[in-house]
Amino acid sequence: MYNKIKISGKIKVVTGMHIGGSSAFSAIGAVDSPVIRDKQSDLPMIPGTTLKGKLRTLMAKGFSDSASAMIGKHDDDPEIVLRLFGNAKKTVQEHRNSRLIFSDMILSNMDELKQLDIHSATEVKFENSINRLTAVANPRQIERVIRGSEFELELIYNVEDETQVQEDFEAIRYGLTLLEYDYLGGSGSRGYGKVKFEDLQAENVIGNLSDEVMQLCNEILSEEK
């Protein structure tokens, strides 16, 4: 039986987050480093590729036996990571599709922010880098998505082996926890991009998985790590 599980929830921005967009053709005096936005709504977005890449990197580190394992290729990631994210092998025998499908996420609580008298989903942070030899400052303006912003999370998990669903969901929850203690986007070591996952739930959207399997998935997602 072909089954798909939708994992939904919210990504809440805890500290200002910068996921960069294009600064090409910016006018003089414009923001040096803008955030990426959805073309249709002009609201900030989190590309699915950003979340996927960050999760895979953190999980590859978390499931590897040593730090040196990260020097290798993606195709050499731990088995559980390859299972969830796939590989790029060209032969039919070795190729593995990703079990996880990621979607772009658009800011979802702009109306709530307006009720708090906040009329822009972003802020501009002024920073300086100092040349140690000349002591000359190099000012720059970085646009950030403000704290309190929320993005609707949606992942699709393809069930390829029902006996592996529990292990896969435990790995997914572990990856989300790792990200909560890391950062999303740029400049994380300077305090940017702390996020929290809220209201996580699993729903069987294609196929007919048992209630016991779905209950287990939801219990794993709701666990506090």
N, C-alpha and C. Protein backbone atom coordinates (compact mmCIF):
# COMPACT_ATOMS: atom_id res chain seq x y z
N MET A 1 0.84 -1.19 0.00
CA MET A 1 0.00 0.00 0.00
C MET A 1 0.88 1.25 0.00
N TYR A 2 0.53 2.19 -0.87
CA TYR A 2 1.28 3.44 -0.98
C TYR A 2 0.76 4.42 0.06
N ASN A 3 1.64 4.88 0.96
CA ASN A 3 1.22 5.76 2.06
C ASN A 3 2.08 7.00 2.13
N LYS A 4 1.44 8.11 2.48
CA LYS A 4 2.14 9.37 2.74
C LYS A 4 1.62 9.95 4.06
N ILE A 5 2.55 10.49 4.84
CA ILE A 5 2.20 11.15 6.09
C ILE A 5 2.60 12.62 5.99
N LYS A 6 1.66 13.50 6.30
CA LYS A 6 1.97 14.93 6.34
C LYS A 6 2.34 15.33 7.76
N ILE A 7 3.51 15.97 7.89
CA ILE A 7 3.95 16.52 9.17
C ILE A 7 3.75 18.03 9.10
N SER A 8 2.90 18.54 9.96
CA SER A 8 2.62 19.98 9.94
C SER A 8 2.90 20.59 11.31
N GLY A 9 2.97 21.90 11.33
CA GLY A 9 3.25 22.62 12.56
C GLY A 9 3.67 24.05 12.24
N LYS A 10 4.31 24.69 13.20
CA LYS A 10 4.77 26.07 13.02
C LYS A 10 6.26 26.18 13.31
N ILE A 11 6.92 27.02 12.55
CA ILE A 11 8.28 27.44 12.88
C ILE A 11 8.17 28.85 13.45
N LYS A 12 8.46 28.99 14.72
CA LYS A 12 8.40 30.31 15.36
C LYS A 12 9.80 30.91 15.46
N VAL A 13 9.94 32.13 15.01
CA VAL A 13 11.24 32.82 15.03
C VAL A 13 11.44 33.41 16.43
N VAL A 14 12.48 32.98 17.11
CA VAL A 14 12.76 33.41 18.48
C VAL A 14 13.70 34.62 18.50
N THR A 15 14.67 34.63 17.60
CA THR A 15 15.54 35.81 17.44
C THR A 15 15.57 36.16 15.96
N GLY A 16 15.87 37.43 15.65
CA GLY A 16 15.86 37.90 14.27
C GLY A 16 16.56 36.93 13.33
N MET A 17 15.92 36.61 12.21
CA MET A 17 16.43 35.58 11.30
C MET A 17 16.73 36.18 9.93
N HIS A 18 17.90 35.85 9.39
CA HIS A 18 18.28 36.33 8.06
C HIS A 18 18.55 35.16 7.13
N ILE A 19 17.66 34.99 6.15
CA ILE A 19 17.89 34.07 5.04
C ILE A 19 17.94 34.94 3.80
N GLY A 20 19.12 35.07 3.22
CA GLY A 20 19.38 36.10 2.23
C GLY A 20 18.69 35.92 0.90
N GLY A 21 18.27 37.05 0.34
CA GLY A 21 17.77 37.10 -1.02
C GLY A 21 18.76 37.83 -1.90
N SER A 22 18.34 38.20 -3.09
CA SER A 22 19.23 38.87 -4.03
C SER A 22 19.33 40.36 -3.71
N SER A 23 20.56 40.89 -3.69
CA SER A 23 20.77 42.32 -3.50
C SER A 23 21.23 42.98 -4.79
N ALA A 24 21.06 42.27 -5.92
CA ALA A 24 21.48 42.82 -7.20
C ALA A 24 20.70 44.08 -7.54
N PHE A 25 21.37 45.04 -8.11
CA PHE A 25 20.78 46.29 -8.57
C PHE A 25 20.18 47.12 -7.45
N SER A 26 20.67 46.97 -6.22
CA SER A 26 20.18 47.78 -5.12
C SER A 26 20.62 49.22 -5.29
N ALA A 27 19.73 50.13 -4.94
CA ALA A 27 20.06 51.55 -5.03
C ALA A 27 21.01 51.93 -3.92
N ILE A 28 21.73 53.03 -4.12
CA ILE A 28 22.63 53.54 -3.08
C ILE A 28 21.81 53.85 -1.83
N GLY A 29 22.28 53.39 -0.69
CA GLY A 29 21.57 53.61 0.57
C GLY A 29 20.59 52.51 0.91
N ALA A 30 20.37 51.56 -0.02
CA ALA A 30 19.46 50.46 0.25
C ALA A 30 20.11 49.45 1.18
N VAL A 31 19.30 48.53 1.69
CA VAL A 31 19.80 47.47 2.57
C VAL A 31 20.83 46.63 1.83
N ASP A 32 21.96 46.39 2.48
CA ASP A 32 23.04 45.64 1.84
C ASP A 32 22.68 44.17 1.66
N SER A 33 21.96 43.61 2.63
CA SER A 33 21.67 42.18 2.60
C SER A 33 20.20 41.95 2.94
N PRO A 34 19.31 41.96 1.94
CA PRO A 34 17.87 41.76 2.20
C PRO A 34 17.55 40.29 2.42
N VAL A 35 16.38 40.04 3.00
CA VAL A 35 15.91 38.67 3.17
C VAL A 35 15.20 38.21 1.90
N ILE A 36 15.10 36.92 1.73
CA ILE A 36 14.38 36.38 0.58
C ILE A 36 12.88 36.49 0.83
N ARG A 37 12.15 36.85 -0.23
CA ARG A 37 10.70 37.07 -0.11
C ARG A 37 9.94 36.29 -1.17
N ASP A 38 8.68 36.03 -0.85
CA ASP A 38 7.77 35.43 -1.81
C ASP A 38 7.37 36.49 -2.83
N LYS A 39 7.53 36.21 -4.11
CA LYS A 39 7.26 37.19 -5.15
C LYS A 39 5.80 37.63 -5.18
N GLN A 40 4.88 36.73 -4.90
CA GLN A 40 3.47 37.06 -5.01
C GLN A 40 2.98 37.94 -3.87
N SER A 41 3.36 37.61 -2.64
CA SER A 41 2.86 38.34 -1.48
C SER A 41 3.84 39.37 -0.94
N ASP A 42 5.11 39.26 -1.34
CA ASP A 42 6.21 40.11 -0.83
C ASP A 42 6.48 39.87 0.66
N LEU A 43 6.00 38.75 1.18
CA LEU A 43 6.27 38.40 2.57
C LEU A 43 7.54 37.56 2.66
N PRO A 44 8.26 37.64 3.78
CA PRO A 44 9.45 36.80 3.96
C PRO A 44 9.09 35.32 3.85
N MET A 45 10.06 34.54 3.41
CA MET A 45 9.83 33.10 3.26
C MET A 45 11.04 32.32 3.74
N ILE A 46 10.81 31.06 4.05
CA ILE A 46 11.88 30.11 4.33
C ILE A 46 11.86 29.10 3.20
N PRO A 47 12.85 29.10 2.32
CA PRO A 47 12.85 28.10 1.24
C PRO A 47 12.95 26.69 1.81
N GLY A 48 12.25 25.76 1.18
CA GLY A 48 12.34 24.38 1.62
C GLY A 48 13.76 23.85 1.55
N THR A 49 14.53 24.33 0.56
CA THR A 49 15.92 23.88 0.43
C THR A 49 16.76 24.31 1.62
N THR A 50 16.44 25.48 2.20
CA THR A 50 17.19 25.95 3.37
C THR A 50 16.96 25.04 4.56
N LEU A 51 15.69 24.71 4.82
CA LEU A 51 15.38 23.83 5.95
C LEU A 51 15.94 22.44 5.71
N LYS A 52 15.80 21.92 4.49
CA LYS A 52 16.28 20.58 4.19
C LYS A 52 17.80 20.49 4.36
N GLY A 53 18.51 21.46 3.80
CA GLY A 53 19.97 21.44 3.90
C GLY A 53 20.47 21.54 5.32
N LYS A 54 19.82 22.40 6.13
CA LYS A 54 20.25 22.56 7.52
C LYS A 54 19.97 21.30 8.33
N LEU A 55 18.78 20.73 8.14
CA LEU A 55 18.44 19.51 8.87
C LEU A 55 19.38 18.36 8.50
N ARG A 56 19.66 18.22 7.21
CA ARG A 56 20.53 17.12 6.79
C ARG A 56 21.92 17.28 7.39
N THR A 57 22.45 18.50 7.38
CA THR A 57 23.78 18.73 7.94
C THR A 57 23.83 18.39 9.42
N LEU A 58 22.84 18.89 10.17
CA LEU A 58 22.82 18.63 11.61
C LEU A 58 22.64 17.15 11.92
N MET A 59 21.79 16.48 11.16
CA MET A 59 21.56 15.07 11.41
C MET A 59 22.75 14.22 11.00
N ALA A 60 23.44 14.63 9.94
CA ALA A 60 24.66 13.91 9.56
C ALA A 60 25.70 14.00 10.66
N LYS A 61 25.80 15.18 11.29
CA LYS A 61 26.71 15.33 12.42
C LYS A 61 26.23 14.51 13.62
N GLY A 62 24.93 14.59 13.89
CA GLY A 62 24.39 13.93 15.08
C GLY A 62 24.47 12.42 15.02
N PHE A 63 24.34 11.86 13.82
CA PHE A 63 24.34 10.40 13.69
C PHE A 63 25.71 9.84 13.29
N SER A 64 26.69 10.71 13.05
CA SER A 64 28.02 10.24 12.68
C SER A 64 28.81 9.84 13.91
N ASP A 65 29.72 8.90 13.74
CA ASP A 65 30.54 8.44 14.86
C ASP A 65 31.64 9.43 15.22
N SER A 66 32.05 10.25 14.25
CA SER A 66 33.13 11.20 14.51
C SER A 66 32.92 12.46 13.69
N ALA A 67 33.54 13.56 14.12
CA ALA A 67 33.41 14.83 13.42
C ALA A 67 34.01 14.76 12.02
N SER A 68 35.01 13.91 11.84
CA SER A 68 35.68 13.82 10.54
C SER A 68 34.77 13.25 9.46
N ALA A 69 33.66 12.61 9.89
CA ALA A 69 32.73 12.04 8.92
C ALA A 69 32.09 13.12 8.06
N MET A 70 32.03 14.36 8.56
CA MET A 70 31.42 15.45 7.83
C MET A 70 32.27 15.91 6.66
N ILE A 71 33.53 15.48 6.61
CA ILE A 71 34.41 15.87 5.51
C ILE A 71 34.04 15.10 4.25
N GLY A 72 33.40 13.97 4.39
CA GLY A 72 33.06 13.13 3.25
C GLY A 72 31.92 13.68 2.42
N LYS A 73 31.52 12.92 1.42
CA LYS A 73 30.45 13.33 0.52
C LYS A 73 29.08 13.05 1.17
N HIS A 74 28.05 13.71 0.61
CA HIS A 74 26.70 13.47 1.10
C HIS A 74 26.32 12.00 0.98
N ASP A 75 26.82 11.36 -0.08
CA ASP A 75 26.49 9.95 -0.29
C ASP A 75 27.08 9.04 0.77
N ASP A 76 27.98 9.58 1.60
CA ASP A 76 28.58 8.80 2.66
C ASP A 76 27.93 9.08 4.02
N ASP A 77 26.81 9.79 4.02
CA ASP A 77 26.12 10.08 5.27
C ASP A 77 25.67 8.80 5.96
N PRO A 78 25.39 8.87 7.27
CA PRO A 78 24.88 7.69 7.98
C PRO A 78 23.61 7.15 7.33
N GLU A 79 23.36 5.88 7.52
CA GLU A 79 22.26 5.18 6.87
C GLU A 79 20.91 5.87 7.10
N ILE A 80 20.62 6.28 8.32
CA ILE A 80 19.32 6.89 8.60
C ILE A 80 19.17 8.21 7.85
N VAL A 81 20.25 8.94 7.66
CA VAL A 81 20.20 10.20 6.93
C VAL A 81 19.98 9.94 5.44
N LEU A 82 20.65 8.95 4.88
CA LEU A 82 20.45 8.59 3.48
C LEU A 82 19.01 8.12 3.25
N ARG A 83 18.48 7.43 4.23
CA ARG A 83 17.12 6.92 4.10
C ARG A 83 16.11 8.06 4.01
N LEU A 84 16.31 9.10 4.80
CA LEU A 84 15.37 10.21 4.85
C LEU A 84 15.61 11.24 3.75
N PHE A 85 16.87 11.44 3.37
CA PHE A 85 17.20 12.52 2.43
C PHE A 85 17.68 12.03 1.06
N GLY A 86 17.90 10.74 0.92
CA GLY A 86 18.30 10.20 -0.37
C GLY A 86 19.76 10.42 -0.69
N ASN A 87 20.14 10.02 -1.92
CA ASN A 87 21.50 10.25 -2.38
C ASN A 87 21.47 10.58 -3.87
N ALA A 88 22.64 10.86 -4.42
CA ALA A 88 22.73 11.28 -5.83
C ALA A 88 23.37 10.22 -6.71
N LYS A 89 23.38 8.99 -6.24
CA LYS A 89 23.95 7.91 -7.05
C LYS A 89 23.19 7.79 -8.37
N LYS A 90 23.92 7.56 -9.45
CA LYS A 90 23.30 7.53 -10.77
C LYS A 90 22.81 6.14 -11.18
N THR A 91 23.35 5.10 -10.57
CA THR A 91 22.92 3.75 -10.96
C THR A 91 21.62 3.40 -10.26
N VAL A 92 20.80 2.62 -10.92
CA VAL A 92 19.50 2.22 -10.38
C VAL A 92 19.68 1.44 -9.08
N GLN A 93 20.72 0.63 -9.02
CA GLN A 93 20.94 -0.21 -7.85
C GLN A 93 21.28 0.61 -6.61
N GLU A 94 21.97 1.74 -6.79
CA GLU A 94 22.45 2.52 -5.64
C GLU A 94 21.63 3.77 -5.35
N HIS A 95 20.85 4.22 -6.34
CA HIS A 95 20.10 5.47 -6.16
C HIS A 95 19.00 5.30 -5.12
N ARG A 96 18.83 6.33 -4.27
CA ARG A 96 17.78 6.32 -3.25
C ARG A 96 17.06 7.66 -3.25
N ASN A 97 15.75 7.61 -3.39
CA ASN A 97 14.96 8.83 -3.32
C ASN A 97 14.79 9.28 -1.87
N SER A 98 14.59 10.57 -1.70
CA SER A 98 14.34 11.11 -0.37
C SER A 98 12.96 10.68 0.11
N ARG A 99 12.87 10.26 1.35
CA ARG A 99 11.57 9.95 1.94
C ARG A 99 10.86 11.23 2.40
N LEU A 100 11.61 12.30 2.55
CA LEU A 100 11.04 13.57 3.01
C LEU A 100 10.92 14.54 1.84
N ILE A 101 9.76 15.18 1.73
CA ILE A 101 9.53 16.21 0.72
C ILE A 101 9.27 17.53 1.46
N PHE A 102 10.05 18.55 1.13
CA PHE A 102 9.97 19.85 1.81
C PHE A 102 9.23 20.86 0.94
N SER A 103 8.53 21.79 1.58
CA SER A 103 7.85 22.87 0.88
C SER A 103 8.40 24.22 1.33
N ASP A 104 8.33 25.21 0.43
CA ASP A 104 8.65 26.58 0.84
C ASP A 104 7.62 27.04 1.87
N MET A 105 8.05 27.89 2.79
CA MET A 105 7.17 28.36 3.86
C MET A 105 7.09 29.88 3.84
N ILE A 106 5.88 30.43 3.81
CA ILE A 106 5.64 31.86 3.75
C ILE A 106 5.19 32.34 5.14
N LEU A 107 5.61 33.56 5.52
CA LEU A 107 5.17 34.14 6.80
C LEU A 107 3.66 34.04 6.92
N SER A 108 3.17 33.53 8.04
CA SER A 108 1.74 33.23 8.16
C SER A 108 0.99 34.07 9.18
N ASN A 109 1.67 34.86 10.01
CA ASN A 109 0.96 35.58 11.08
C ASN A 109 1.10 37.10 10.97
N MET A 110 1.14 37.62 9.74
CA MET A 110 1.27 39.06 9.56
C MET A 110 0.09 39.81 10.16
N ASP A 111 -1.12 39.26 10.05
CA ASP A 111 -2.30 39.92 10.63
C ASP A 111 -2.18 40.02 12.15
N GLU A 112 -1.66 38.99 12.79
CA GLU A 112 -1.47 39.04 14.24
C GLU A 112 -0.43 40.08 14.62
N LEU A 113 0.63 40.18 13.83
CA LEU A 113 1.66 41.18 14.12
C LEU A 113 1.10 42.59 13.99
N LYS A 114 0.22 42.80 13.01
CA LYS A 114 -0.39 44.13 12.84
C LYS A 114 -1.25 44.51 14.04
N GLN A 115 -1.88 43.51 14.66
CA GLN A 115 -2.68 43.79 15.86
C GLN A 115 -1.81 44.25 17.02
N LEU A 116 -0.52 43.93 16.95
CA LEU A 116 0.44 44.38 17.96
C LEU A 116 1.11 45.69 17.56
N ASP A 117 0.52 46.33 16.52
CA ASP A 117 1.03 47.59 15.98
C ASP A 117 2.41 47.42 15.34
N ILE A 118 2.64 46.22 14.80
CA ILE A 118 3.85 45.94 14.04
C ILE A 118 3.45 45.84 12.57
N HIS A 119 3.94 46.73 11.77
CA HIS A 119 3.48 46.83 10.38
C HIS A 119 4.52 46.37 9.37
N SER A 120 5.63 45.86 9.85
CA SER A 120 6.63 45.29 8.96
C SER A 120 7.13 43.99 9.56
N ALA A 121 7.22 42.96 8.73
CA ALA A 121 7.69 41.66 9.21
C ALA A 121 9.20 41.61 9.35
N THR A 122 9.88 42.67 8.93
CA THR A 122 11.34 42.67 9.00
C THR A 122 11.85 43.93 9.69
N GLU A 123 13.09 43.85 10.08
CA GLU A 123 13.80 44.98 10.67
C GLU A 123 15.17 45.07 10.02
N VAL A 124 15.77 46.24 10.09
CA VAL A 124 17.11 46.43 9.53
C VAL A 124 18.09 46.59 10.68
N LYS A 125 19.06 45.73 10.76
CA LYS A 125 20.07 45.78 11.82
C LYS A 125 21.37 46.33 11.23
N PHE A 126 21.89 47.36 11.88
CA PHE A 126 23.14 47.96 11.45
C PHE A 126 24.30 47.29 12.17
N GLU A 127 25.29 46.86 11.40
CA GLU A 127 26.46 46.21 11.96
C GLU A 127 27.73 46.83 11.39
N ASN A 128 28.81 46.69 12.12
CA ASN A 128 30.12 47.16 11.67
C ASN A 128 31.13 46.02 11.76
N SER A 129 31.93 45.87 10.74
CA SER A 129 33.12 45.02 10.84
C SER A 129 34.33 45.95 10.91
N ILE A 130 35.26 45.63 11.80
CA ILE A 130 36.41 46.50 12.04
C ILE A 130 37.68 45.85 11.50
N ASN A 131 38.40 46.58 10.67
CA ASN A 131 39.70 46.12 10.19
C ASN A 131 40.69 46.24 11.34
N ARG A 132 41.28 45.13 11.76
CA ARG A 132 42.16 45.14 12.92
C ARG A 132 43.44 45.93 12.69
N LEU A 133 43.88 46.00 11.43
CA LEU A 133 45.13 46.71 11.14
C LEU A 133 44.92 48.22 11.05
N THR A 134 43.82 48.63 10.41
CA THR A 134 43.59 50.07 10.20
C THR A 134 42.57 50.66 11.15
N ALA A 135 41.83 49.81 11.86
CA ALA A 135 40.75 50.23 12.75
C ALA A 135 39.62 50.93 12.01
N VAL A 136 39.57 50.73 10.70
CA VAL A 136 38.51 51.34 9.90
C VAL A 136 37.26 50.47 9.98
N ALA A 137 36.12 51.13 10.21
CA ALA A 137 34.85 50.42 10.30
C ALA A 137 34.21 50.26 8.91
N ASN A 138 33.61 49.13 8.69
CA ASN A 138 32.90 48.88 7.45
C ASN A 138 31.43 48.61 7.79
N PRO A 139 30.59 49.67 7.78
CA PRO A 139 29.20 49.50 8.18
C PRO A 139 28.38 48.78 7.11
N ARG A 140 27.38 48.06 7.57
CA ARG A 140 26.48 47.37 6.65
C ARG A 140 25.10 47.24 7.29
N GLN A 141 24.10 47.07 6.44
CA GLN A 141 22.73 46.95 6.90
C GLN A 141 22.19 45.57 6.53
N ILE A 142 21.72 44.85 7.54
CA ILE A 142 21.23 43.49 7.32
C ILE A 142 19.75 43.43 7.69
N GLU A 143 18.94 42.96 6.75
CA GLU A 143 17.52 42.83 7.01
C GLU A 143 17.26 41.48 7.71
N ARG A 144 16.39 41.51 8.73
CA ARG A 144 16.06 40.29 9.46
C ARG A 144 14.55 40.17 9.63
N VAL A 145 14.07 38.94 9.60
CA VAL A 145 12.69 38.66 9.97
C VAL A 145 12.58 38.81 11.48
N ILE A 146 11.60 39.56 11.95
CA ILE A 146 11.53 39.90 13.37
C ILE A 146 11.13 38.69 14.23
N ARG A 147 11.53 38.73 15.48
CA ARG A 147 11.14 37.67 16.42
C ARG A 147 9.62 37.70 16.60
N GLY A 148 9.06 36.52 16.80
CA GLY A 148 7.61 36.41 16.90
C GLY A 148 6.94 36.06 15.59
N SER A 149 7.69 36.12 14.50
CA SER A 149 7.15 35.72 13.21
C SER A 149 6.94 34.20 13.18
N GLU A 150 5.95 33.77 12.42
CA GLU A 150 5.65 32.34 12.33
C GLU A 150 5.52 31.91 10.88
N PHE A 151 5.96 30.69 10.61
CA PHE A 151 5.88 30.10 9.28
C PHE A 151 5.22 28.74 9.40
N GLU A 152 4.31 28.44 8.46
CA GLU A 152 3.62 27.15 8.48
C GLU A 152 4.54 26.06 7.92
N LEU A 153 4.81 25.06 8.75
CA LEU A 153 5.66 23.94 8.35
C LEU A 153 4.82 22.84 7.71
N GLU A 154 5.31 22.32 6.60
CA GLU A 154 4.67 21.15 6.00
C GLU A 154 5.72 20.26 5.36
N LEU A 155 5.84 19.06 5.88
CA LEU A 155 6.72 18.04 5.32
C LEU A 155 5.86 16.84 4.91
N ILE A 156 6.23 16.20 3.83
CA ILE A 156 5.58 14.96 3.43
C ILE A 156 6.59 13.82 3.60
N TYR A 157 6.18 12.81 4.35
CA TYR A 157 7.01 11.63 4.57
C TYR A 157 6.42 10.47 3.79
N ASN A 158 7.22 9.92 2.86
CA ASN A 158 6.80 8.77 2.08
C ASN A 158 7.11 7.48 2.85
N VAL A 159 6.07 6.70 3.09
CA VAL A 159 6.25 5.44 3.83
C VAL A 159 6.70 4.36 2.84
N GLU A 160 7.95 3.98 2.93
CA GLU A 160 8.47 2.94 2.06
C GLU A 160 8.56 1.59 2.77
N ASP A 161 8.68 1.64 4.10
CA ASP A 161 8.76 0.41 4.88
C ASP A 161 8.11 0.71 6.23
N GLU A 162 6.93 0.13 6.45
CA GLU A 162 6.18 0.45 7.66
C GLU A 162 6.93 0.07 8.92
N THR A 163 7.81 -0.91 8.83
CA THR A 163 8.57 -1.32 10.02
C THR A 163 9.62 -0.28 10.41
N GLN A 164 9.91 0.68 9.52
CA GLN A 164 10.93 1.69 9.80
C GLN A 164 10.33 3.06 10.16
N VAL A 165 9.00 3.15 10.19
CA VAL A 165 8.35 4.43 10.44
C VAL A 165 8.74 4.99 11.81
N GLN A 166 8.72 4.17 12.85
CA GLN A 166 9.05 4.65 14.19
C GLN A 166 10.47 5.19 14.23
N GLU A 167 11.42 4.43 13.70
CA GLU A 167 12.82 4.88 13.72
C GLU A 167 12.99 6.16 12.90
N ASP A 168 12.32 6.24 11.76
CA ASP A 168 12.42 7.44 10.94
C ASP A 168 11.86 8.66 11.66
N PHE A 169 10.71 8.51 12.31
CA PHE A 169 10.09 9.64 13.00
C PHE A 169 10.91 10.07 14.22
N GLU A 170 11.52 9.12 14.89
CA GLU A 170 12.41 9.48 16.00
C GLU A 170 13.61 10.27 15.49
N ALA A 171 14.11 9.89 14.31
CA ALA A 171 15.23 10.63 13.71
C ALA A 171 14.80 12.03 13.28
N ILE A 172 13.61 12.15 12.71
CA ILE A 172 13.10 13.47 12.30
C ILE A 172 12.95 14.37 13.51
N ARG A 173 12.38 13.83 14.59
CA ARG A 173 12.19 14.65 15.81
C ARG A 173 13.54 15.05 16.38
N TYR A 174 14.49 14.16 16.32
CA TYR A 174 15.85 14.46 16.79
C TYR A 174 16.45 15.59 15.96
N GLY A 175 16.26 15.54 14.64
CA GLY A 175 16.78 16.59 13.78
C GLY A 175 16.16 17.94 14.09
N LEU A 176 14.85 17.98 14.32
CA LEU A 176 14.18 19.24 14.65
C LEU A 176 14.69 19.79 15.99
N THR A 177 14.94 18.90 16.93
CA THR A 177 15.49 19.32 18.22
C THR A 177 16.90 19.89 18.06
N LEU A 178 17.71 19.23 17.23
CA LEU A 178 19.05 19.76 16.98
C LEU A 178 18.98 21.17 16.42
N LEU A 179 18.03 21.40 15.52
CA LEU A 179 17.90 22.73 14.91
C LEU A 179 17.46 23.77 15.93
N GLU A 180 16.62 23.38 16.87
CA GLU A 180 16.20 24.33 17.91
C GLU A 180 17.37 24.79 18.76
N TYR A 181 18.40 23.95 18.86
CA TYR A 181 19.59 24.32 19.63
C TYR A 181 20.71 24.82 18.72
N ASP A 182 20.38 25.09 17.48
CA ASP A 182 21.34 25.64 16.53
C ASP A 182 20.73 26.93 15.96
N TYR A 183 20.73 27.09 14.67
CA TYR A 183 20.12 28.29 14.08
C TYR A 183 19.76 28.03 12.63
N LEU A 184 18.85 28.85 12.12
CA LEU A 184 18.42 28.75 10.73
C LEU A 184 18.78 30.04 10.02
N GLY A 185 19.39 29.93 8.85
CA GLY A 185 19.83 31.12 8.14
C GLY A 185 21.26 31.48 8.49
N GLY A 186 21.62 32.75 8.30
CA GLY A 186 23.00 33.19 8.51
C GLY A 186 23.22 33.85 9.86
N SER A 187 24.50 34.02 10.20
CA SER A 187 24.95 34.77 11.38
C SER A 187 24.46 34.19 12.70
N GLY A 188 24.30 32.89 12.75
CA GLY A 188 23.82 32.26 13.97
C GLY A 188 24.72 32.45 15.16
N SER A 189 26.04 32.53 14.93
CA SER A 189 26.96 32.72 16.05
C SER A 189 26.84 34.11 16.65
N ARG A 190 26.16 35.03 15.93
CA ARG A 190 25.95 36.38 16.45
C ARG A 190 24.53 36.56 16.98
N GLY A 191 23.83 35.46 17.16
CA GLY A 191 22.52 35.55 17.79
C GLY A 191 21.34 35.47 16.85
N TYR A 192 21.58 35.37 15.56
CA TYR A 192 20.49 35.31 14.60
C TYR A 192 19.90 33.89 14.53
N GLY A 193 18.65 33.81 14.07
CA GLY A 193 18.09 32.57 13.56
C GLY A 193 17.71 31.48 14.54
N LYS A 194 17.50 31.80 15.82
CA LYS A 194 17.02 30.78 16.75
C LYS A 194 15.53 30.56 16.48
N VAL A 195 15.14 29.31 16.31
CA VAL A 195 13.75 28.99 16.00
C VAL A 195 13.23 27.90 16.93
N LYS A 196 11.91 27.79 16.97
CA LYS A 196 11.27 26.75 17.78
C LYS A 196 10.13 26.14 16.96
N PHE A 197 10.00 24.81 17.04
CA PHE A 197 8.93 24.11 16.35
C PHE A 197 7.76 23.90 17.31
N GLU A 198 6.57 24.27 16.87
CA GLU A 198 5.39 24.17 17.72
C GLU A 198 4.25 23.46 17.00
N ASP A 199 3.35 22.87 17.79
CA ASP A 199 2.12 22.25 17.29
C ASP A 199 2.39 21.19 16.22
N LEU A 200 3.42 20.40 16.42
CA LEU A 200 3.75 19.37 15.44
C LEU A 200 2.73 18.24 15.47
N GLN A 201 2.28 17.81 14.31
CA GLN A 201 1.35 16.69 14.25
C GLN A 201 1.50 15.95 12.93
N ALA A 202 1.13 14.70 12.95
CA ALA A 202 1.23 13.84 11.78
C ALA A 202 -0.17 13.42 11.34
N GLU A 203 -0.37 13.40 10.02
CA GLU A 203 -1.66 13.02 9.45
C GLU A 203 -1.43 12.11 8.25
N ASN A 204 -2.11 11.00 8.22
CA ASN A 204 -2.02 10.07 7.09
C ASN A 204 -2.89 10.62 5.95
N VAL A 205 -2.25 11.18 4.91
CA VAL A 205 -2.99 11.86 3.85
C VAL A 205 -3.20 10.98 2.62
N ILE A 206 -2.35 9.98 2.42
CA ILE A 206 -2.51 9.04 1.32
C ILE A 206 -2.35 7.63 1.89
N GLY A 207 -3.24 6.73 1.51
CA GLY A 207 -3.14 5.36 1.99
C GLY A 207 -3.98 5.15 3.25
N ASN A 208 -3.68 4.10 3.95
CA ASN A 208 -4.50 3.73 5.10
C ASN A 208 -3.64 3.07 6.18
N LEU A 209 -2.85 3.88 6.86
CA LEU A 209 -2.05 3.36 7.97
C LEU A 209 -2.93 3.16 9.19
N SER A 210 -2.53 2.26 10.05
CA SER A 210 -3.32 1.95 11.23
C SER A 210 -3.31 3.12 12.22
N ASP A 211 -4.35 3.18 13.05
CA ASP A 211 -4.43 4.21 14.09
C ASP A 211 -3.25 4.11 15.04
N GLU A 212 -2.79 2.88 15.29
CA GLU A 212 -1.66 2.69 16.22
C GLU A 212 -0.39 3.34 15.67
N VAL A 213 -0.14 3.18 14.37
CA VAL A 213 1.05 3.78 13.76
C VAL A 213 0.98 5.30 13.83
N MET A 214 -0.19 5.86 13.51
CA MET A 214 -0.33 7.31 13.52
C MET A 214 -0.26 7.87 14.94
N GLN A 215 -0.80 7.16 15.89
CA GLN A 215 -0.70 7.61 17.28
C GLN A 215 0.75 7.64 17.73
N LEU A 216 1.51 6.62 17.33
CA LEU A 216 2.93 6.57 17.68
C LEU A 216 3.68 7.75 17.04
N CYS A 217 3.38 8.04 15.78
CA CYS A 217 4.04 9.17 15.10
C CYS A 217 3.78 10.47 15.84
N ASN A 218 2.53 10.68 16.25
CA ASN A 218 2.19 11.92 16.95
C ASN A 218 2.80 11.99 18.34
N GLU A 219 2.90 10.85 19.00
CA GLU A 219 3.56 10.84 20.31
C GLU A 219 5.03 11.21 20.18
N ILE A 220 5.68 10.71 19.15
CA ILE A 220 7.10 11.02 18.94
C ILE A 220 7.28 12.51 18.65
N LEU A 221 6.44 13.06 17.80
CA LEU A 221 6.55 14.48 17.44
C LEU A 221 6.29 15.40 18.63
N SER A 222 5.43 14.97 19.53
CA SER A 222 5.05 15.83 20.66
C SER A 222 6.01 15.72 21.84
N GLU A 223 6.93 14.79 21.77
CA GLU A 223 7.88 14.61 22.88
C GLU A 223 8.79 15.82 23.02
N GLU A 224 8.99 16.24 24.25
CA GLU A 224 9.94 17.31 24.56
C GLU A 224 11.31 16.70 24.75
N LYS A 225 12.27 17.16 23.96
CA LYS A 225 13.62 16.60 24.05
C LYS A 225 14.50 17.47 24.94
